[in-house]
Structures are given as C-alpha cells and as structure tokens.
Amino acid sequence: MNYSGKTVWITGASSGIGAELARQFAEEGARVLISSHEAEELEAVRKTLEPVSKDVHTVVFNLGNPDEVLATAQKVLSDFGRVDVLMNNGGISTRAEALETSLEMDRKIMEIDYFSGVILSKVLLPKMIENGYGHIGVTSSISGKFGWPLRSAYAAAKHALFGFYKSLWAENKDHGIRVTIFSPGRVRTNISYHALLQDGKEHGKMDPGLDKGIPPATCARKMIRAMKRNRKDVLIGSSELVMVWIHKYCKFCYYRLINRVSVN
C-alpha cells in the first residue's frame, strides 16, 4: 500500500515527528494538510516540502480551543472534500507534580492532547465510512502505558487515547476504518522545550534523555510502515521501551524502579 492520491491531515506538524510525517507522506504522493497554531513555522515546513510536492497545504488552528477545532474540521471537509488519513499527532507535555498542577492545567492538557483529536475524528469519521476507508493514526506515548513522575496530566491524557480509539476501532472496523495508536519513547523533538511547569511557563530546555532519543525521521518512518501493515498498537523507541515490558510482566520491579529511572 502507498498513499498516492490520499488526503492526509497531520496535526502538530510545525516541527518534529509531524513535520517528518508530512515529508514522508508527500514523498509517497499524498495530498498533505499540515496543522499547528504556529503559522510561521508551519509555512516554513510547507516551503521545505515544495521540492517534494506542490500539494501541501497549511491549516492553522489551536488544538486547545474546541470551537476552533470543530470549525476547522468542518472547513477542511468543505474545502478538500474528504480526509483519508488523520494523524492526531499534536500535543503538549508537562514537567510538574500532580499536587503542583492546577486543575486548569489538567484540563488544558486534556483539551489539547485528548479532546482535540476526538473532535476531529468525530467530524471526519462519517465521510470516511461513506467512502469505505479511513485511517486514524494517534500519537500517544509510553506515558500512556503507565505513569511517570512529573507527568500526571500528560499521562492521563495519553491513557485516555487508548480507551477512546480502541473503542472507536471496534465499533467501525467493519466499515473500513483503521486505527493505529503509537507509543513513542524518547524521540529527539522539541516537546520538552514546550512542556508546561506548575506555573504554566514552558520548561524551555531539552531533556538529556530526549536528546539521546531516536531522530523524528526514524519515528515517522516506523509510524507509516506500521500503518501500511494495519498494526493497531505500536511501540517506537530504543532501550527505554523495556519499562513497558517491566510494567506489563513484572509489576513488582516496576514499582521499585519507577522513582529510580530517569524520565528526562
């Protein structure tokens, strides 16, 4: 399978994994819609893709504003007719303990990392069903598999993705709908720079662990390969993924190690 002639919409595409997904889908001949709230950065990504494809379009909106998310999804359907592949990739992380995190921040993270994708999926799904095909890719995290210190709001949102999208797939798999949930570990992106501290300010620095992570291009390539194989639940990363298996098969070890293993 390739994505030539398909319409692919990618959120969180102004840098990192999203920008690499855009490049690789464009190389396959897809019509690519790239989204972020950062208009200048998004346009810069589009320009870098001009030698690859002239069929790349920017769609600027804020994942944290549900009314804007809904209106944008409806406009995209009106303007482009359909979306064959939706990559719910946009999100934001935290670097704050649960007791220090305000409910306002908890809700903000949930709005961006969880509800925005739910809104987009619900708007686009009926047309996908009508067309007999649709694939929703969801960027979760290994934090969606278990909790990490300083990640309570982020981990909660990433856990929620599994419940919603696994249910959505079960309800719609007979209509040609595919869902793939990705759980990356350490990927060398800017996510730690923009992660929110307890006061709402950005973390503003690269975590040492992330700096040693796999390149975004590698992550994007593995994501697309998994979607072509119609995989449902995909781990992507390096040695840090061992914690997923420890959590799954050796709970005692997980509870002993969780405060000893560096999450940064």
C-alpha atoms as a PDB file:
ATOM      1  CA  MET A   1       0.000   0.000   0.000  1.00  0.00           C
ATOM      2  CA  ASN A   2       1.078   3.542  -0.635  1.00  0.00           C
ATOM      3  CA  TYR A   3      -0.637   6.855  -0.028  1.00  0.00           C
ATOM      4  CA  SER A   4      -0.559   8.261  -3.550  1.00  0.00           C
ATOM      5  CA  GLY A   5      -3.759  10.215  -4.136  1.00  0.00           C
ATOM      6  CA  LYS A   6      -4.819  10.044  -0.490  1.00  0.00           C
ATOM      7  CA  THR A   7      -5.577  13.140   1.557  1.00  0.00           C
ATOM      8  CA  VAL A   8      -3.563  13.097   4.784  1.00  0.00           C
ATOM      9  CA  TRP A   9      -4.120  15.612   7.595  1.00  0.00           C
ATOM     10  CA  ILE A  10      -1.391  15.924  10.234  1.00  0.00           C
ATOM     11  CA  THR A  11      -1.671  17.964  13.428  1.00  0.00           C
ATOM     12  CA  GLY A  12       1.409  19.109  15.331  1.00  0.00           C
ATOM     13  CA  ALA A  13       3.228  19.415  12.008  1.00  0.00           C
ATOM     14  CA  SER A  14       5.306  22.568  12.541  1.00  0.00           C
ATOM     15  CA  SER A  15       8.313  20.527  13.711  1.00  0.00           C
ATOM     16  CA  GLY A  16       9.489  17.147  14.931  1.00  0.00           C
ATOM     17  CA  ILE A  17       7.514  13.996  14.183  1.00  0.00           C
ATOM     18  CA  GLY A  18       4.681  15.869  12.488  1.00  0.00           C
ATOM     19  CA  ALA A  19       6.967  17.661  10.039  1.00  0.00           C
ATOM     20  CA  GLU A  20       8.698  14.389   9.183  1.00  0.00           C
ATOM     21  CA  LEU A  21       5.360  12.644   8.683  1.00  0.00           C
ATOM     22  CA  ALA A  22       4.412  15.425   6.267  1.00  0.00           C
ATOM     23  CA  ARG A  23       7.608  14.971   4.282  1.00  0.00           C
ATOM     24  CA  GLN A  24       7.285  11.206   4.042  1.00  0.00           C
ATOM     25  CA  PHE A  25       3.594  11.229   3.115  1.00  0.00           C
ATOM     26  CA  ALA A  26       4.324  13.899   0.491  1.00  0.00           C
ATOM     27  CA  GLU A  27       7.091  11.729  -0.951  1.00  0.00           C
ATOM     28  CA  GLU A  28       4.500   8.997  -1.456  1.00  0.00           C
ATOM     29  CA  GLY A  29       2.293  11.329  -3.494  1.00  0.00           C
ATOM     30  CA  ALA A  30      -0.326  12.171  -0.894  1.00  0.00           C
ATOM     31  CA  ARG A  31      -2.133  15.487  -0.681  1.00  0.00           C
ATOM     32  CA  VAL A  32      -0.894  16.680   2.701  1.00  0.00           C
ATOM     33  CA  LEU A  33      -2.583  19.094   5.088  1.00  0.00           C
ATOM     34  CA  ILE A  34      -0.280  20.290   7.873  1.00  0.00           C
ATOM     35  CA  SER A  35      -1.591  21.931  11.016  1.00  0.00           C
ATOM     36  CA  SER A  36      -0.310  23.814  14.036  1.00  0.00           C
ATOM     37  CA  HIS A  37      -1.095  27.059  15.850  1.00  0.00           C
ATOM     38  CA  GLU A  38       2.327  28.348  14.777  1.00  0.00           C
ATOM     39  CA  ALA A  39       1.612  29.891  11.375  1.00  0.00           C
ATOM     40  CA  GLU A  40       5.179  30.991  10.525  1.00  0.00           C
ATOM     41  CA  GLU A  41       6.755  27.676  11.491  1.00  0.00           C
ATOM     42  CA  LEU A  42       4.073  25.810   9.575  1.00  0.00           C
ATOM     43  CA  GLU A  43       4.659  27.860   6.449  1.00  0.00           C
ATOM     44  CA  ALA A  44       8.386  27.190   6.772  1.00  0.00           C
ATOM     45  CA  VAL A  45       7.674  23.453   6.769  1.00  0.00           C
ATOM     46  CA  ARG A  46       5.482  23.821   3.684  1.00  0.00           C
ATOM     47  CA  LYS A  47       8.238  25.667   1.842  1.00  0.00           C
ATOM     48  CA  THR A  48      10.785  22.958   2.647  1.00  0.00           C
ATOM     49  CA  LEU A  49       8.389  20.455   1.060  1.00  0.00           C
ATOM     50  CA  GLU A  50       7.945  22.378  -2.198  1.00  0.00           C
ATOM     51  CA  PRO A  51      10.713  20.402  -3.968  1.00  0.00           C
ATOM     52  CA  VAL A  52       8.895  17.212  -2.914  1.00  0.00           C
ATOM     53  CA  SER A  53       5.271  18.187  -3.576  1.00  0.00           C
ATOM     54  CA  LYS A  54       3.190  21.193  -4.573  1.00  0.00           C
ATOM     55  CA  ASP A  55       0.151  19.591  -2.945  1.00  0.00           C
ATOM     56  CA  VAL A  56       0.921  20.555   0.661  1.00  0.00           C
ATOM     57  CA  HIS A  57      -1.489  22.927   2.409  1.00  0.00           C
ATOM     58  CA  THR A  58      -1.316  24.715   5.765  1.00  0.00           C
ATOM     59  CA  VAL A  59      -4.298  24.679   8.115  1.00  0.00           C
ATOM     60  CA  VAL A  60      -3.609  26.898  11.114  1.00  0.00           C
ATOM     61  CA  PHE A  61      -5.674  26.437  14.272  1.00  0.00           C
ATOM     62  CA  ASN A  62      -5.364  25.987  18.029  1.00  0.00           C
ATOM     63  CA  LEU A  63      -5.882  22.473  19.416  1.00  0.00           C
ATOM     64  CA  GLY A  64      -6.704  24.000  22.803  1.00  0.00           C
ATOM     65  CA  ASN A  65      -9.841  25.777  21.534  1.00  0.00           C
ATOM     66  CA  PRO A  66     -12.635  23.220  20.964  1.00  0.00           C
ATOM     67  CA  ASP A  67     -14.835  25.620  18.997  1.00  0.00           C
ATOM     68  CA  GLU A  68     -11.930  26.389  16.685  1.00  0.00           C
ATOM     69  CA  VAL A  69     -11.110  22.697  16.312  1.00  0.00           C
ATOM     70  CA  LEU A  70     -14.696  21.908  15.323  1.00  0.00           C
ATOM     71  CA  ALA A  71     -14.965  24.795  12.858  1.00  0.00           C
ATOM     72  CA  THR A  72     -11.609  23.907  11.277  1.00  0.00           C
ATOM     73  CA  ALA A  73     -12.572  20.259  10.795  1.00  0.00           C
ATOM     74  CA  GLN A  74     -15.819  21.274   9.115  1.00  0.00           C
ATOM     75  CA  LYS A  75     -13.992  23.751   6.858  1.00  0.00           C
ATOM     76  CA  VAL A  76     -11.399  21.157   5.852  1.00  0.00           C
ATOM     77  CA  LEU A  77     -14.172  18.780   4.775  1.00  0.00           C
ATOM     78  CA  SER A  78     -15.835  21.592   2.855  1.00  0.00           C
ATOM     79  CA  ASP A  79     -12.607  22.721   1.160  1.00  0.00           C
ATOM     80  CA  PHE A  80     -10.992  19.365   0.401  1.00  0.00           C
ATOM     81  CA  GLY A  81     -13.966  17.008   0.206  1.00  0.00           C
ATOM     82  CA  ARG A  82     -12.527  14.248   2.324  1.00  0.00           C
ATOM     83  CA  VAL A  83      -9.682  13.222   4.617  1.00  0.00           C
ATOM     84  CA  ASP A  84      -8.482   9.658   4.113  1.00  0.00           C
ATOM     85  CA  VAL A  85      -5.820   9.635   6.815  1.00  0.00           C
ATOM     86  CA  LEU A  86      -5.966  11.687  10.009  1.00  0.00           C
ATOM     87  CA  MET A  87      -2.776  11.855  12.063  1.00  0.00           C
ATOM     88  CA  ASN A  88      -3.698  13.110  15.536  1.00  0.00           C
ATOM     89  CA  ASN A  89      -0.120  13.969  16.385  1.00  0.00           C
ATOM     90  CA  GLY A  90      -0.298  17.381  18.073  1.00  0.00           C
ATOM     91  CA  GLY A  91       0.116  17.629  21.814  1.00  0.00           C
ATOM     92  CA  ILE A  92       1.875  19.141  24.795  1.00  0.00           C
ATOM     93  CA  SER A  93       3.616  17.671  27.840  1.00  0.00           C
ATOM     94  CA  THR A  94       4.186  18.637  31.475  1.00  0.00           C
ATOM     95  CA  ARG A  95       7.013  18.775  33.973  1.00  0.00           C
ATOM     96  CA  ALA A  96       5.087  19.187  37.239  1.00  0.00           C
ATOM     97  CA  GLU A  97       3.971  17.061  40.175  1.00  0.00           C
ATOM     98  CA  ALA A  98       0.259  16.322  40.500  1.00  0.00           C
ATOM     99  CA  LEU A  99      -0.171  18.408  43.669  1.00  0.00           C
ATOM    100  CA  GLU A 100       1.504  21.381  41.997  1.00  0.00           C
ATOM    101  CA  THR A 101      -0.577  21.104  38.821  1.00  0.00           C
ATOM    102  CA  SER A 102      -3.722  23.221  38.817  1.00  0.00           C
ATOM    103  CA  LEU A 103      -6.993  21.779  37.580  1.00  0.00           C
ATOM    104  CA  GLU A 104      -6.887  24.431  34.897  1.00  0.00           C
ATOM    105  CA  MET A 105      -3.645  22.944  33.593  1.00  0.00           C
ATOM    106  CA  ASP A 106      -5.023  19.398  33.827  1.00  0.00           C
ATOM    107  CA  ARG A 107      -7.963  20.468  31.684  1.00  0.00           C
ATOM    108  CA  LYS A 108      -5.703  22.328  29.237  1.00  0.00           C
ATOM    109  CA  ILE A 109      -3.542  19.253  28.656  1.00  0.00           C
ATOM    110  CA  MET A 110      -6.632  17.071  28.256  1.00  0.00           C
ATOM    111  CA  GLU A 111      -8.148  19.534  25.777  1.00  0.00           C
ATOM    112  CA  ILE A 112      -5.038  19.615  23.608  1.00  0.00           C
ATOM    113  CA  ASP A 113      -3.837  16.015  23.868  1.00  0.00           C
ATOM    114  CA  TYR A 114      -7.190  14.212  24.005  1.00  0.00           C
ATOM    115  CA  PHE A 115     -10.332  16.168  23.160  1.00  0.00           C
ATOM    116  CA  SER A 116      -8.963  17.914  20.067  1.00  0.00           C
ATOM    117  CA  GLY A 117      -8.363  14.592  18.336  1.00  0.00           C
ATOM    118  CA  VAL A 118     -11.733  13.271  19.447  1.00  0.00           C
ATOM    119  CA  ILE A 119     -13.448  16.275  17.841  1.00  0.00           C
ATOM    120  CA  LEU A 120     -11.522  15.878  14.584  1.00  0.00           C
ATOM    121  CA  SER A 121     -12.223  12.154  14.477  1.00  0.00           C
ATOM    122  CA  LYS A 122     -15.950  12.558  15.054  1.00  0.00           C
ATOM    123  CA  VAL A 123     -16.257  15.180  12.314  1.00  0.00           C
ATOM    124  CA  LEU A 124     -14.240  13.239   9.735  1.00  0.00           C
ATOM    125  CA  LEU A 125     -15.424   9.708  10.521  1.00  0.00           C
ATOM    126  CA  PRO A 126     -18.840   9.791   8.774  1.00  0.00           C
ATOM    127  CA  LYS A 127     -17.207  10.712   5.439  1.00  0.00           C
ATOM    128  CA  MET A 128     -14.580   8.014   5.942  1.00  0.00           C
ATOM    129  CA  ILE A 129     -17.325   5.452   6.496  1.00  0.00           C
ATOM    130  CA  GLU A 130     -19.189   6.700   3.441  1.00  0.00           C
ATOM    131  CA  ASN A 131     -16.014   6.252   1.366  1.00  0.00           C
ATOM    132  CA  GLY A 132     -15.370   2.798   2.808  1.00  0.00           C
ATOM    133  CA  TYR A 133     -11.898   3.695   4.033  1.00  0.00           C
ATOM    134  CA  GLY A 134     -10.263   5.818   6.672  1.00  0.00           C
ATOM    135  CA  HIS A 135      -7.175   5.509   8.827  1.00  0.00           C
ATOM    136  CA  ILE A 136      -6.672   7.404  12.088  1.00  0.00           C
ATOM    137  CA  GLY A 137      -3.146   7.497  13.470  1.00  0.00           C
ATOM    138  CA  VAL A 138      -2.837   8.543  17.102  1.00  0.00           C
ATOM    139  CA  THR A 139       0.388   9.670  18.765  1.00  0.00           C
ATOM    140  CA  SER A 140       0.231   8.559  22.370  1.00  0.00           C
ATOM    141  CA  SER A 141       3.381   7.845  24.408  1.00  0.00           C
ATOM    142  CA  ILE A 142       4.874   5.211  26.655  1.00  0.00           C
ATOM    143  CA  SER A 143       3.442   7.533  29.328  1.00  0.00           C
ATOM    144  CA  GLY A 144       0.093   6.256  28.066  1.00  0.00           C
ATOM    145  CA  LYS A 145       1.093   2.777  29.228  1.00  0.00           C
ATOM    146  CA  PHE A 146       1.985   3.683  32.820  1.00  0.00           C
ATOM    147  CA  GLY A 147       2.577   6.735  34.998  1.00  0.00           C
ATOM    148  CA  TRP A 148       5.802   8.741  35.285  1.00  0.00           C
ATOM    149  CA  PRO A 149       6.733  11.307  37.935  1.00  0.00           C
ATOM    150  CA  LEU A 150       6.108  14.895  36.742  1.00  0.00           C
ATOM    151  CA  ARG A 151       3.733  13.678  34.001  1.00  0.00           C
ATOM    152  CA  SER A 152       0.366  13.226  35.735  1.00  0.00           C
ATOM    153  CA  ALA A 153      -1.694  15.420  33.386  1.00  0.00           C
ATOM    154  CA  TYR A 154       0.189  14.254  30.302  1.00  0.00           C
ATOM    155  CA  ALA A 155      -0.024  10.567  31.232  1.00  0.00           C
ATOM    156  CA  ALA A 156      -3.739  10.893  31.991  1.00  0.00           C
ATOM    157  CA  ALA A 157      -4.459  12.312  28.540  1.00  0.00           C
ATOM    158  CA  LYS A 158      -2.314   9.691  26.828  1.00  0.00           C
ATOM    159  CA  HIS A 159      -4.053   6.879  28.744  1.00  0.00           C
ATOM    160  CA  ALA A 160      -7.420   8.256  27.650  1.00  0.00           C
ATOM    161  CA  LEU A 161      -6.448   7.953  23.989  1.00  0.00           C
ATOM    162  CA  PHE A 162      -6.286   4.173  24.268  1.00  0.00           C
ATOM    163  CA  GLY A 163      -9.782   3.844  25.706  1.00  0.00           C
ATOM    164  CA  PHE A 164     -11.383   6.074  23.091  1.00  0.00           C
ATOM    165  CA  TYR A 165      -9.613   4.916  19.941  1.00  0.00           C
ATOM    166  CA  LYS A 166      -9.678   1.198  20.696  1.00  0.00           C
ATOM    167  CA  SER A 167     -13.433   1.515  21.206  1.00  0.00           C
ATOM    168  CA  LEU A 168     -13.822   3.606  18.045  1.00  0.00           C
ATOM    169  CA  TRP A 169     -11.966   0.965  16.038  1.00  0.00           C
ATOM    170  CA  ALA A 170     -14.066  -1.903  17.429  1.00  0.00           C
ATOM    171  CA  GLU A 171     -17.253  -0.043  16.511  1.00  0.00           C
ATOM    172  CA  ASN A 172     -16.162   0.839  12.967  1.00  0.00           C
ATOM    173  CA  LYS A 173     -13.686  -1.796  11.746  1.00  0.00           C
ATOM    174  CA  ASP A 174     -16.368  -3.381   9.546  1.00  0.00           C
ATOM    175  CA  HIS A 175     -16.802  -0.037   7.760  1.00  0.00           C
ATOM    176  CA  GLY A 176     -13.210   0.057   6.515  1.00  0.00           C
ATOM    177  CA  ILE A 177     -11.923   2.163   9.391  1.00  0.00           C
ATOM    178  CA  ARG A 178      -8.410   1.539  10.649  1.00  0.00           C
ATOM    179  CA  VAL A 179      -6.850   2.901  13.839  1.00  0.00           C
ATOM    180  CA  THR A 180      -3.183   2.778  14.815  1.00  0.00           C
ATOM    181  CA  ILE A 181      -2.022   4.045  18.205  1.00  0.00           C
ATOM    182  CA  PHE A 182       1.673   4.865  18.546  1.00  0.00           C
ATOM    183  CA  SER A 183       3.561   4.905  21.840  1.00  0.00           C
ATOM    184  CA  PRO A 184       6.919   6.584  21.236  1.00  0.00           C
ATOM    185  CA  GLY A 185       9.558   6.591  23.907  1.00  0.00           C
ATOM    186  CA  ARG A 186      12.391   9.075  23.549  1.00  0.00           C
ATOM    187  CA  VAL A 187      12.320  10.957  20.253  1.00  0.00           C
ATOM    188  CA  ARG A 188      14.605  13.952  19.680  1.00  0.00           C
ATOM    189  CA  THR A 189      11.931  16.654  19.312  1.00  0.00           C
ATOM    190  CA  ASN A 190      11.156  19.988  20.963  1.00  0.00           C
ATOM    191  CA  ILE A 191       8.440  18.558  23.221  1.00  0.00           C
ATOM    192  CA  SER A 192      10.453  19.151  26.405  1.00  0.00           C
ATOM    193  CA  TYR A 193      11.074  22.802  25.448  1.00  0.00           C
ATOM    194  CA  HIS A 194       7.327  23.463  25.336  1.00  0.00           C
ATOM    195  CA  ALA A 195       6.342  21.230  28.281  1.00  0.00           C
ATOM    196  CA  LEU A 196       4.496  23.185  30.966  1.00  0.00           C
ATOM    197  CA  LEU A 197       5.777  23.706  34.506  1.00  0.00           C
ATOM    198  CA  GLN A 198       3.479  24.078  37.511  1.00  0.00           C
ATOM    199  CA  ASP A 199       3.214  27.834  36.964  1.00  0.00           C
ATOM    200  CA  GLY A 200       2.190  27.377  33.328  1.00  0.00           C
ATOM    201  CA  LYS A 201       5.528  28.561  31.942  1.00  0.00           C
ATOM    202  CA  GLU A 202       7.433  26.480  29.419  1.00  0.00           C
ATOM    203  CA  HIS A 203      10.181  24.111  30.569  1.00  0.00           C
ATOM    204  CA  GLY A 204      12.449  25.762  27.987  1.00  0.00           C
ATOM    205  CA  LYS A 205      15.194  23.162  27.668  1.00  0.00           C
ATOM    206  CA  MET A 206      15.978  19.837  26.087  1.00  0.00           C
ATOM    207  CA  ASP A 207      15.792  16.892  28.448  1.00  0.00           C
ATOM    208  CA  PRO A 208      19.048  14.876  28.369  1.00  0.00           C
ATOM    209  CA  GLY A 209      17.191  11.628  27.706  1.00  0.00           C
ATOM    210  CA  LEU A 210      15.264  13.076  24.776  1.00  0.00           C
ATOM    211  CA  ASP A 211      18.476  14.484  23.344  1.00  0.00           C
ATOM    212  CA  LYS A 212      19.695  10.889  23.046  1.00  0.00           C
ATOM    213  CA  GLY A 213      16.436   9.690  21.523  1.00  0.00           C
ATOM    214  CA  ILE A 214      15.805   8.445  18.009  1.00  0.00           C
ATOM    215  CA  PRO A 215      15.507  11.050  15.212  1.00  0.00           C
ATOM    216  CA  PRO A 216      11.988  12.218  14.274  1.00  0.00           C
ATOM    217  CA  ALA A 217      12.537  10.901  10.722  1.00  0.00           C
ATOM    218  CA  THR A 218      13.094   7.399  12.075  1.00  0.00           C
ATOM    219  CA  CYS A 219       9.986   7.625  14.228  1.00  0.00           C
ATOM    220  CA  ALA A 220       7.863   8.869  11.319  1.00  0.00           C
ATOM    221  CA  ARG A 221       9.135   6.102   9.041  1.00  0.00           C
ATOM    222  CA  LYS A 222       8.228   3.452  11.611  1.00  0.00           C
ATOM    223  CA  MET A 223       4.777   5.001  12.072  1.00  0.00           C
ATOM    224  CA  ILE A 224       3.965   4.951   8.368  1.00  0.00           C
ATOM    225  CA  ARG A 225       5.305   1.432   7.982  1.00  0.00           C
ATOM    226  CA  ALA A 226       3.093   0.263  10.857  1.00  0.00           C
ATOM    227  CA  MET A 227       0.036   1.899   9.289  1.00  0.00           C
ATOM    228  CA  LYS A 228       0.701   0.171   5.970  1.00  0.00           C
ATOM    229  CA  ARG A 229       0.712  -3.116   7.866  1.00  0.00           C
ATOM    230  CA  ASN A 230      -2.535  -2.126   9.639  1.00  0.00           C
ATOM    231  CA  ARG A 231      -0.976  -2.558  13.059  1.00  0.00           C
ATOM    232  CA  LYS A 232      -3.090  -1.437  15.988  1.00  0.00           C
ATOM    233  CA  ASP A 233      -0.740  -0.729  18.918  1.00  0.00           C
ATOM    234  CA  VAL A 234       2.861   0.216  18.168  1.00  0.00           C
ATOM    235  CA  LEU A 235       5.843   0.881  20.433  1.00  0.00           C
ATOM    236  CA  ILE A 236       8.581   3.066  18.954  1.00  0.00           C
ATOM    237  CA  GLY A 237      11.885   3.875  20.589  1.00  0.00           C
ATOM    238  CA  SER A 238      15.011   2.272  21.974  1.00  0.00           C
ATOM    239  CA  SER A 239      16.164   0.851  25.308  1.00  0.00           C
ATOM    240  CA  GLU A 240      13.604   2.908  27.286  1.00  0.00           C
ATOM    241  CA  LEU A 241      10.864   0.637  25.947  1.00  0.00           C
ATOM    242  CA  VAL A 242      11.997  -2.047  28.393  1.00  0.00           C
ATOM    243  CA  MET A 243       9.965  -0.224  31.053  1.00  0.00           C
ATOM    244  CA  VAL A 244       6.790  -1.052  29.131  1.00  0.00           C
ATOM    245  CA  TRP A 245       7.543  -4.758  29.373  1.00  0.00           C
ATOM    246  CA  ILE A 246       8.625  -4.497  33.001  1.00  0.00           C
ATOM    247  CA  HIS A 247       5.339  -2.759  33.808  1.00  0.00           C
ATOM    248  CA  LYS A 248       3.379  -5.416  31.929  1.00  0.00           C
ATOM    249  CA  TYR A 249       5.103  -8.567  33.141  1.00  0.00           C
ATOM    250  CA  CYS A 250       6.871  -7.639  36.379  1.00  0.00           C
ATOM    251  CA  LYS A 251       4.766  -5.198  38.384  1.00  0.00           C
ATOM    252  CA  PHE A 252       6.929  -5.573  41.464  1.00  0.00           C
ATOM    253  CA  CYS A 253      10.007  -4.420  39.522  1.00  0.00           C
ATOM    254  CA  TYR A 254       8.094  -1.519  38.004  1.00  0.00           C
ATOM    255  CA  TYR A 255       7.050  -0.196  41.425  1.00  0.00           C
ATOM    256  CA  ARG A 256      10.608  -0.494  42.673  1.00  0.00           C
ATOM    257  CA  LEU A 257      12.135   1.218  39.643  1.00  0.00           C
ATOM    258  CA  ILE A 258       9.702   3.996  38.749  1.00  0.00           C
ATOM    259  CA  ASN A 259      11.346   6.588  41.001  1.00  0.00           C
ATOM    260  CA  ARG A 260      14.859   5.470  40.174  1.00  0.00           C
ATOM    261  CA  VAL A 261      14.735   5.580  36.398  1.00  0.00           C
ATOM    262  CA  SER A 262      15.331   8.990  34.880  1.00  0.00           C
ATOM    263  CA  VAL A 263      12.359  10.191  32.846  1.00  0.00           C
ATOM    264  CA  ASN A 264      14.241  13.172  31.397  1.00  0.00           C
END
